Every structure is written in C-alpha cells, then in structure tokens.
Amino acid sequence: MVTVSNVSTHALLSLCSARDVDLEVDRSTLDGSLDATVMIDLWGRAADATGDDLLGLHVATRVRAGAYGALDRLLCASATVRSGLTATARHFRRANGDAELRLQPLRNAVAAQLVTTVTMEHRPRSSQYTLALVVGRLRAASTRMWNPTEVHFSGPPCHAAVELERFFGAPVRFRQAIDQIVLTPEVLDLPHRDQDPELCEMLETELTQSVSDGAGVLARCRESARAWLWQGEHGIAIVARDLDMSVRTLQRTLAVRGTSYRELIDELRCEQAATLLGADHVAADVAHALGYSEPSAFYRAFRRWTGTTPHDWRNRSLPKGRHAAT
C-alpha cells in the first residue's frame, strides 16, 4: 500500500469547511499516513463539490508552517534555496510515497520535477499543491522574495491560469511533458534566514533513522544519489552518510537487493543523460553535467547503457524536421 502524509488532507478539509462543503469524513481516521487511494478519492470529491480549478493551489496556501515536522525544519535550517530544495527532494517520499521530486540540471537553470503515478485526471490538483507548497516553503525561508523563471504543468489549461501566474510570479505553461518549476542559479544561491548547520545534521539523522529495510534503503539511496549527482557529487560515502550507515553496510544492503552502488549511479546517469539529450543539450555539456572529466568517457558509457551514441539519441528525440548538432 502506498501511503501519503495526512497534512494535505487536513488542509483540504479545512478549506472545504470554510466553504461550507461537508465531505462527511471522520477526522479521527486521518491520524498518521493515509492510503494514497483514499487521499485521491477525497480530493476528487472536494473538486467536484467546490468546482475549484485551483484547488491544489488554494489548499497549499492553507498548510501551516511546520506541518511537515522535521522536513519543514530541515528546509528552513538549510543554508540556501539550493540546499533546502535538495533536502526536500532527498526526503520527499516521507511526505508523499506516491511521488518523487527530482532535480534536473538544464541549460543555465535547474528544474524541480514532480514524478508521480497519479492519473492525469487527478494530476492537476496534485501538481498544483506540490509545486505551490515547495515554492511557498522555500520563499518563506529565504532572505528575500524570488520567483521561478517558468512553471510547467502536464495537465490541460485551467480557467484561472492568471491566478497561478500571479502566485508563482512566472509564466505558467500547460500540456507540458512534466510538472516542474525552473530556477536560475541566482535564485538557488539565495541564503536562508535561519540557516543552522548543526540543526541540519540532527534533522538529517532524525529523518534517516526510520529507514531500515532493504527495499527502503534502496529507494532512499537512489533519491540521495540523484540529489548529489545534480550537485556534481557521486561518491558512495556521502550517500551512506545521508542514510546514516557505513559505506560497507550500504554496499552489503545493495548487494542483497541484487545491485551495487556503481550500477545505481550508472542508472541515474543514463536517466539524466537521456533527459538532457532529449532537451537538445550537446553531448559535451551533458558529459560535464554528469561529472565526466572527458567527453570520450561519457560517449563510451552512453553506448554501453543504450547501445547507441549520444548524437543518434538526440536526433531520435528531437521533433521531426530538426537535427541535433554534434
């Protein structure tokens, strides 16, 4: 069973109550985590009852500061927008077991991408809520107001798109390949008001202590490695530290799950390379973004992963009529 935090559901019920909408829910049953299917059903009923195109955004603005506990405190105590976003991505599944927040380098920017199994019918509400919450939390922690450069939603346009653009302070595009916010390096490097390295270390330990089973370690290892790979780090020691275990213990745990750290990093590099090449980045830039000292090493690795060259992959990924430069 996939579970999600009940924070969004309590905020949803609060909004419905303020609008005199009764979803006939016993609140005593909402303690702890919820089955994702129960949460989706509640949101669907609320959307039908309120007719609100921006239900996700409006619920996100009702979530009180600190509602996500240690994860909220870690974000606020992080040094910059970048480190707060990285920490949020690393621990995202603690709040939503049905989704993942991926940090993807773009040309002169970074995208925080929401990857979810939620069906397209319900996705607009889910993506509105998550992206608005992430932006709102990071803005509140920062020393000054900032805006993303773009916001993408995979769903169809809504009637109140102007309100979305007003909240994000950026162009909002619909029917995109993925739900994401795009941030510039200048925004990512903005300092946080209440940064506290010692508190961050304590909270990281608290957030990772509950991960004990092999499958959980594998998922957390993948999330941590992906977040560090975005920052140019791919060593096992830093990921082991995130998971609060020794390198040797992590290696043994991965072996029990039928994989290794090198195989996991290869998988993540292949995933990022395919995304960047599909976005029309040249192979040399992709090699640099993935931490390869020489493009030739990346070319060999990409052929090993996919059976083709980066150039051919780009040509197949681009729209018809366009051809990638070498």
Protein backbone atom coordinates (compact mmCIF):
# COMPACT_ATOMS: atom_id res chain seq x y z
CA MET A 1 0.00 0.00 0.00
CA VAL A 2 1.35 3.45 -0.95
CA THR A 3 0.86 5.98 1.82
CA VAL A 4 0.99 9.76 1.94
CA SER A 5 1.14 12.31 4.74
CA ASN A 6 -2.23 13.46 6.08
CA VAL A 7 -1.08 17.11 6.09
CA SER A 8 -2.62 17.95 2.71
CA THR A 9 -5.86 16.19 3.62
CA HIS A 10 -6.31 18.16 6.84
CA ALA A 11 -5.69 21.39 4.90
CA LEU A 12 -8.18 20.23 2.24
CA LEU A 13 -10.86 19.58 4.87
CA SER A 14 -10.15 22.97 6.45
CA LEU A 15 -10.70 24.71 3.11
CA CYS A 16 -13.90 22.74 2.46
CA SER A 17 -15.22 23.62 5.91
CA ALA A 18 -14.54 27.32 5.25
CA ARG A 19 -16.64 26.99 2.09
CA ASP A 20 -19.46 25.09 3.85
CA VAL A 21 -18.65 21.89 1.95
CA ASP A 22 -19.08 18.71 4.00
CA LEU A 23 -17.23 15.68 2.67
CA GLU A 24 -18.62 13.55 5.53
CA VAL A 25 -15.21 12.39 6.72
CA ASP A 26 -14.45 11.13 10.21
CA ARG A 27 -11.35 13.17 11.06
CA SER A 28 -10.33 10.67 13.75
CA THR A 29 -9.49 8.23 10.95
CA LEU A 30 -6.96 10.63 9.44
CA ASP A 31 -4.22 10.24 12.06
CA GLY A 32 -0.87 9.12 10.67
CA SER A 33 -0.37 8.33 6.99
CA LEU A 34 -3.17 7.66 4.54
CA ASP A 35 -3.61 5.14 1.78
CA ALA A 36 -2.94 7.13 -1.40
CA THR A 37 -6.19 5.90 -2.97
CA VAL A 38 -8.19 7.27 -0.01
CA MET A 39 -6.48 10.65 -0.35
CA ILE A 40 -7.11 10.79 -4.11
CA ASP A 41 -10.80 9.94 -3.57
CA LEU A 42 -11.16 12.77 -1.01
CA TRP A 43 -9.54 15.28 -3.34
CA GLY A 44 -11.74 14.17 -6.22
CA ARG A 45 -14.89 14.61 -4.13
CA ALA A 46 -13.71 18.02 -2.95
CA ALA A 47 -13.00 19.13 -6.53
CA ASP A 48 -16.49 18.05 -7.63
CA ALA A 49 -18.13 19.77 -4.65
CA THR A 50 -16.24 23.06 -4.90
CA GLY A 51 -15.78 23.32 -8.67
CA ASP A 52 -12.41 24.91 -7.89
CA ASP A 53 -9.92 24.79 -10.79
CA LEU A 54 -7.14 25.82 -8.41
CA LEU A 55 -7.99 23.51 -5.53
CA GLY A 56 -4.37 22.33 -5.20
CA LEU A 57 -3.01 25.88 -5.01
CA HIS A 58 -5.66 27.02 -2.53
CA VAL A 59 -5.07 24.04 -0.25
CA ALA A 60 -1.29 24.55 -0.35
CA THR A 61 -1.66 28.11 0.91
CA ARG A 62 -3.58 26.81 3.96
CA VAL A 63 -0.86 24.41 5.17
CA ARG A 64 0.59 25.87 8.36
CA ALA A 65 4.32 26.39 8.79
CA GLY A 66 5.94 23.35 10.39
CA ALA A 67 3.11 20.97 9.45
CA TYR A 68 5.61 18.59 7.82
CA GLY A 69 7.67 18.41 11.01
CA ALA A 70 11.36 17.60 10.65
CA LEU A 71 11.24 18.05 6.88
CA ASP A 72 9.96 21.63 7.25
CA ARG A 73 12.56 22.38 9.93
CA LEU A 74 15.34 20.96 7.76
CA LEU A 75 14.32 23.14 4.82
CA CYS A 76 14.34 26.28 6.98
CA ALA A 77 17.69 25.43 8.60
CA SER A 78 19.38 24.79 5.24
CA ALA A 79 21.92 27.35 4.07
CA THR A 80 20.41 28.31 0.71
CA VAL A 81 17.44 27.74 -1.60
CA ARG A 82 19.60 25.13 -3.36
CA SER A 83 20.38 23.11 -0.22
CA GLY A 84 16.79 23.42 1.03
CA LEU A 85 15.45 22.16 -2.30
CA THR A 86 18.00 19.33 -2.33
CA ALA A 87 17.00 18.24 1.18
CA THR A 88 13.32 18.37 0.22
CA ALA A 89 13.96 16.19 -2.84
CA ARG A 90 16.02 13.73 -0.80
CA HIS A 91 13.29 13.18 1.79
CA PHE A 92 10.24 13.82 -0.39
CA ARG A 93 8.82 10.30 -0.20
CA ARG A 94 8.42 10.65 3.56
CA ALA A 95 5.65 13.14 2.83
CA ASN A 96 4.32 11.53 -0.34
CA GLY A 97 5.04 7.88 -1.01
CA ASP A 98 3.23 8.18 -4.34
CA ALA A 99 5.62 10.71 -5.90
CA GLU A 100 9.22 11.79 -6.27
CA LEU A 101 10.79 15.23 -6.56
CA ARG A 102 13.73 15.14 -8.98
CA LEU A 103 16.28 17.90 -9.51
CA GLN A 104 17.26 18.08 -13.15
CA PRO A 105 20.02 20.35 -14.50
CA LEU A 106 19.03 22.39 -17.55
CA ARG A 107 20.94 24.95 -19.56
CA ASN A 108 21.64 27.81 -17.10
CA ALA A 109 18.93 26.57 -14.72
CA VAL A 110 17.69 23.66 -12.62
CA ALA A 111 14.24 22.10 -12.77
CA ALA A 112 12.49 20.60 -9.75
CA GLN A 113 10.36 17.92 -11.41
CA LEU A 114 7.40 16.11 -9.88
CA VAL A 115 7.30 12.45 -10.94
CA THR A 116 4.10 10.73 -9.84
CA THR A 117 1.86 7.75 -10.51
CA VAL A 118 -1.27 9.88 -10.02
CA THR A 119 -3.54 9.57 -13.06
CA MET A 120 -3.90 12.51 -15.45
CA GLU A 121 -7.49 13.01 -14.24
CA HIS A 122 -6.30 13.90 -10.73
CA ARG A 123 -2.81 15.21 -11.54
CA PRO A 124 -3.63 18.95 -11.88
CA ARG A 125 -4.67 19.13 -8.21
CA SER A 126 -1.67 17.08 -7.04
CA SER A 127 0.90 19.03 -9.06
CA GLN A 128 -0.60 22.42 -8.14
CA TYR A 129 -0.44 21.53 -4.47
CA THR A 130 3.12 20.17 -4.52
CA LEU A 131 4.76 22.86 -6.66
CA ALA A 132 2.98 25.69 -4.84
CA LEU A 133 3.93 24.20 -1.47
CA VAL A 134 7.61 23.81 -2.42
CA VAL A 135 7.83 27.37 -3.76
CA GLY A 136 5.95 28.81 -0.78
CA ARG A 137 8.11 26.98 1.78
CA LEU A 138 11.38 27.99 0.11
CA ARG A 139 10.27 31.60 -0.30
CA ALA A 140 9.35 31.81 3.40
CA ALA A 141 12.81 30.55 4.38
CA SER A 142 14.71 32.91 2.05
CA THR A 143 16.11 36.34 2.90
CA ARG A 144 14.15 37.92 0.03
CA MET A 145 11.28 37.22 -2.32
CA TRP A 146 12.05 35.34 -5.51
CA ASN A 147 10.22 33.76 -8.44
CA PRO A 148 10.90 30.76 -10.68
CA THR A 149 11.55 31.52 -14.35
CA GLU A 150 8.88 29.09 -15.60
CA VAL A 151 6.30 26.67 -14.23
CA HIS A 152 5.14 23.66 -16.26
CA PHE A 153 2.03 21.55 -15.76
CA SER A 154 1.27 18.36 -17.67
CA GLY A 155 -2.48 18.87 -17.41
CA PRO A 156 -4.78 20.98 -19.62
CA PRO A 157 -5.12 24.77 -19.20
CA CYS A 158 -7.40 25.92 -16.39
CA HIS A 159 -9.79 28.88 -16.38
CA ALA A 160 -7.91 30.65 -13.58
CA ALA A 161 -4.40 30.45 -15.05
CA VAL A 162 -3.86 34.14 -14.30
CA GLU A 163 -4.08 33.41 -10.57
CA LEU A 164 -1.47 30.67 -10.92
CA GLU A 165 0.88 33.08 -12.70
CA ARG A 166 0.26 35.68 -10.02
CA PHE A 167 1.21 33.21 -7.26
CA PHE A 168 4.34 31.89 -8.97
CA GLY A 169 5.34 35.23 -10.46
CA ALA A 170 6.31 33.44 -13.67
CA PRO A 171 4.85 32.19 -16.96
CA VAL A 172 2.79 29.02 -16.47
CA ARG A 173 2.67 26.56 -19.35
CA PHE A 174 0.20 23.67 -19.70
CA ARG A 175 0.23 20.33 -21.54
CA GLN A 176 3.98 20.02 -20.90
CA ALA A 177 5.97 16.79 -20.71
CA ILE A 178 6.37 17.00 -16.92
CA ASP A 179 5.24 19.06 -13.92
CA GLN A 180 8.14 21.27 -12.86
CA ILE A 181 9.43 24.62 -11.63
CA VAL A 182 12.55 26.10 -13.23
CA LEU A 183 15.01 28.05 -11.06
CA THR A 184 18.08 30.07 -12.00
CA PRO A 185 21.46 29.76 -10.21
CA GLU A 186 20.92 33.25 -8.77
CA VAL A 187 17.74 32.10 -7.03
CA LEU A 188 19.26 28.79 -5.93
CA ASP A 189 22.16 30.58 -4.23
CA LEU A 190 19.96 32.92 -2.17
CA PRO A 191 20.71 32.46 1.56
CA HIS A 192 18.16 31.29 4.10
CA ARG A 193 17.34 33.45 7.11
CA ASP A 194 17.58 30.78 9.83
CA GLN A 195 20.38 28.58 8.49
CA ASP A 196 21.78 26.26 11.14
CA PRO A 197 24.32 23.56 10.08
CA GLU A 198 24.19 21.73 13.42
CA LEU A 199 20.40 21.54 13.37
CA CYS A 200 20.54 20.31 9.76
CA GLU A 201 22.81 17.47 10.78
CA MET A 202 20.50 16.47 13.64
CA LEU A 203 17.41 16.60 11.43
CA GLU A 204 19.07 14.57 8.67
CA THR A 205 19.81 11.88 11.26
CA GLU A 206 16.24 12.00 12.52
CA LEU A 207 14.81 11.69 9.02
CA THR A 208 17.02 8.75 8.05
CA GLN A 209 16.78 6.72 11.26
CA SER A 210 13.47 5.14 10.27
CA VAL A 211 14.91 3.64 7.09
CA SER A 212 15.85 0.07 7.98
CA ASP A 213 14.52 -2.46 5.47
CA GLY A 214 16.48 -3.25 2.30
CA ALA A 215 13.83 -2.00 -0.12
CA GLY A 216 13.57 1.26 1.79
CA VAL A 217 17.33 1.70 1.76
CA LEU A 218 17.44 1.12 -1.99
CA ALA A 219 14.77 3.77 -2.65
CA ARG A 220 16.41 6.25 -0.29
CA CYS A 221 19.85 5.52 -1.73
CA ARG A 222 18.56 6.26 -5.23
CA GLU A 223 16.95 9.54 -4.11
CA SER A 224 20.05 10.69 -2.23
CA ALA A 225 22.41 9.73 -5.06
CA ARG A 226 20.24 11.54 -7.61
CA ALA A 227 20.22 14.71 -5.49
CA TRP A 228 24.01 14.63 -5.01
CA LEU A 229 24.64 13.80 -8.67
CA TRP A 230 22.83 17.05 -9.55
CA GLN A 231 25.47 18.85 -7.44
CA GLY A 232 28.37 17.07 -9.11
CA GLU A 233 28.95 14.50 -6.34
CA HIS A 234 28.65 10.78 -6.95
CA GLY A 235 30.72 9.10 -4.22
CA ILE A 236 29.17 6.39 -2.07
CA ALA A 237 30.47 7.88 1.20
CA ILE A 238 28.27 10.98 1.02
CA VAL A 239 25.18 8.88 0.25
CA ALA A 240 25.98 6.46 3.09
CA ARG A 241 26.17 9.45 5.41
CA ASP A 242 22.72 10.58 4.25
CA LEU A 243 21.36 7.15 5.12
CA ASP A 244 23.19 7.17 8.49
CA MET A 245 25.12 3.97 7.82
CA SER A 246 28.64 2.91 6.98
CA VAL A 247 29.80 2.50 3.40
CA ARG A 248 30.29 -1.22 3.98
CA THR A 249 26.75 -1.65 5.34
CA LEU A 250 25.28 0.21 2.38
CA GLN A 251 27.28 -1.93 -0.06
CA ARG A 252 26.05 -5.12 1.59
CA THR A 253 22.44 -3.90 1.63
CA LEU A 254 22.55 -3.09 -2.08
CA ALA A 255 24.12 -6.48 -2.81
CA VAL A 256 21.24 -8.20 -1.02
CA ARG A 257 18.88 -6.29 -3.30
CA GLY A 258 20.76 -7.58 -6.35
CA THR A 259 22.56 -4.38 -7.30
CA SER A 260 25.60 -2.26 -6.49
CA TYR A 261 26.29 1.42 -5.99
CA ARG A 262 28.09 1.64 -9.33
CA GLU A 263 25.11 0.11 -11.13
CA LEU A 264 22.77 2.54 -9.38
CA ILE A 265 24.92 5.55 -10.39
CA ASP A 266 25.07 4.26 -13.97
CA GLU A 267 21.27 4.01 -13.99
CA LEU A 268 20.89 7.58 -12.71
CA ARG A 269 23.49 8.96 -15.12
CA CYS A 270 21.75 7.23 -18.03
CA GLU A 271 18.42 8.70 -16.88
CA GLN A 272 19.84 12.23 -16.66
CA ALA A 273 21.76 11.91 -19.92
CA ALA A 274 18.64 10.83 -21.81
CA THR A 275 16.68 13.76 -20.38
CA LEU A 276 19.37 16.33 -21.21
CA LEU A 277 19.97 15.00 -24.70
CA GLY A 278 16.23 14.97 -25.32
CA ALA A 279 16.19 18.65 -24.30
CA ASP A 280 18.75 19.35 -27.09
CA HIS A 281 21.87 19.69 -24.93
CA VAL A 282 25.11 18.85 -26.74
CA ALA A 283 26.92 15.71 -25.61
CA ALA A 284 29.97 17.57 -24.29
CA ASP A 285 27.78 19.65 -21.96
CA VAL A 286 25.95 16.53 -20.78
CA ALA A 287 29.29 14.81 -20.06
CA HIS A 288 30.34 17.78 -17.92
CA ALA A 289 26.98 17.90 -16.09
CA LEU A 290 27.31 14.21 -15.19
CA GLY A 291 30.81 14.60 -13.79
CA TYR A 292 32.88 13.06 -16.61
CA SER A 293 36.34 14.60 -16.98
CA GLU A 294 36.43 13.74 -20.70
CA PRO A 295 33.54 13.59 -23.21
CA SER A 296 35.00 10.38 -24.65
CA ALA A 297 34.40 8.58 -21.34
CA PHE A 298 30.75 9.68 -21.43
CA TYR A 299 30.37 8.54 -25.07
CA ARG A 300 31.64 5.05 -24.17
CA ALA A 301 29.39 4.86 -21.11
CA PHE A 302 26.31 6.03 -23.04
CA ARG A 303 26.87 3.43 -25.75
CA ARG A 304 27.20 0.78 -23.04
CA TRP A 305 23.92 1.89 -21.43
CA THR A 306 21.82 2.34 -24.56
CA GLY A 307 23.57 0.63 -27.46
CA THR A 308 23.71 3.89 -29.41
CA THR A 309 25.62 7.18 -29.49
CA PRO A 310 24.56 10.42 -27.78
CA HIS A 311 24.27 12.10 -31.21
CA ASP A 312 21.92 9.41 -32.56
CA TRP A 313 19.87 9.52 -29.36
CA ARG A 314 19.41 13.28 -29.70
CA ASN A 315 18.35 13.00 -33.34
CA ARG A 316 15.71 10.41 -32.44
CA SER A 317 14.47 12.52 -29.50
CA LEU A 318 14.10 15.82 -31.36
CA PRO A 319 10.90 16.68 -33.26
CA LYS A 320 10.80 15.69 -36.91
CA GLY A 321 12.43 18.24 -39.15
CA ARG A 322 15.10 19.15 -36.61
CA HIS A 323 18.55 17.61 -36.36
CA ALA A 324 20.95 17.78 -33.46
CA ALA A 325 24.38 19.35 -33.79
CA THR A 326 27.29 17.13 -32.96
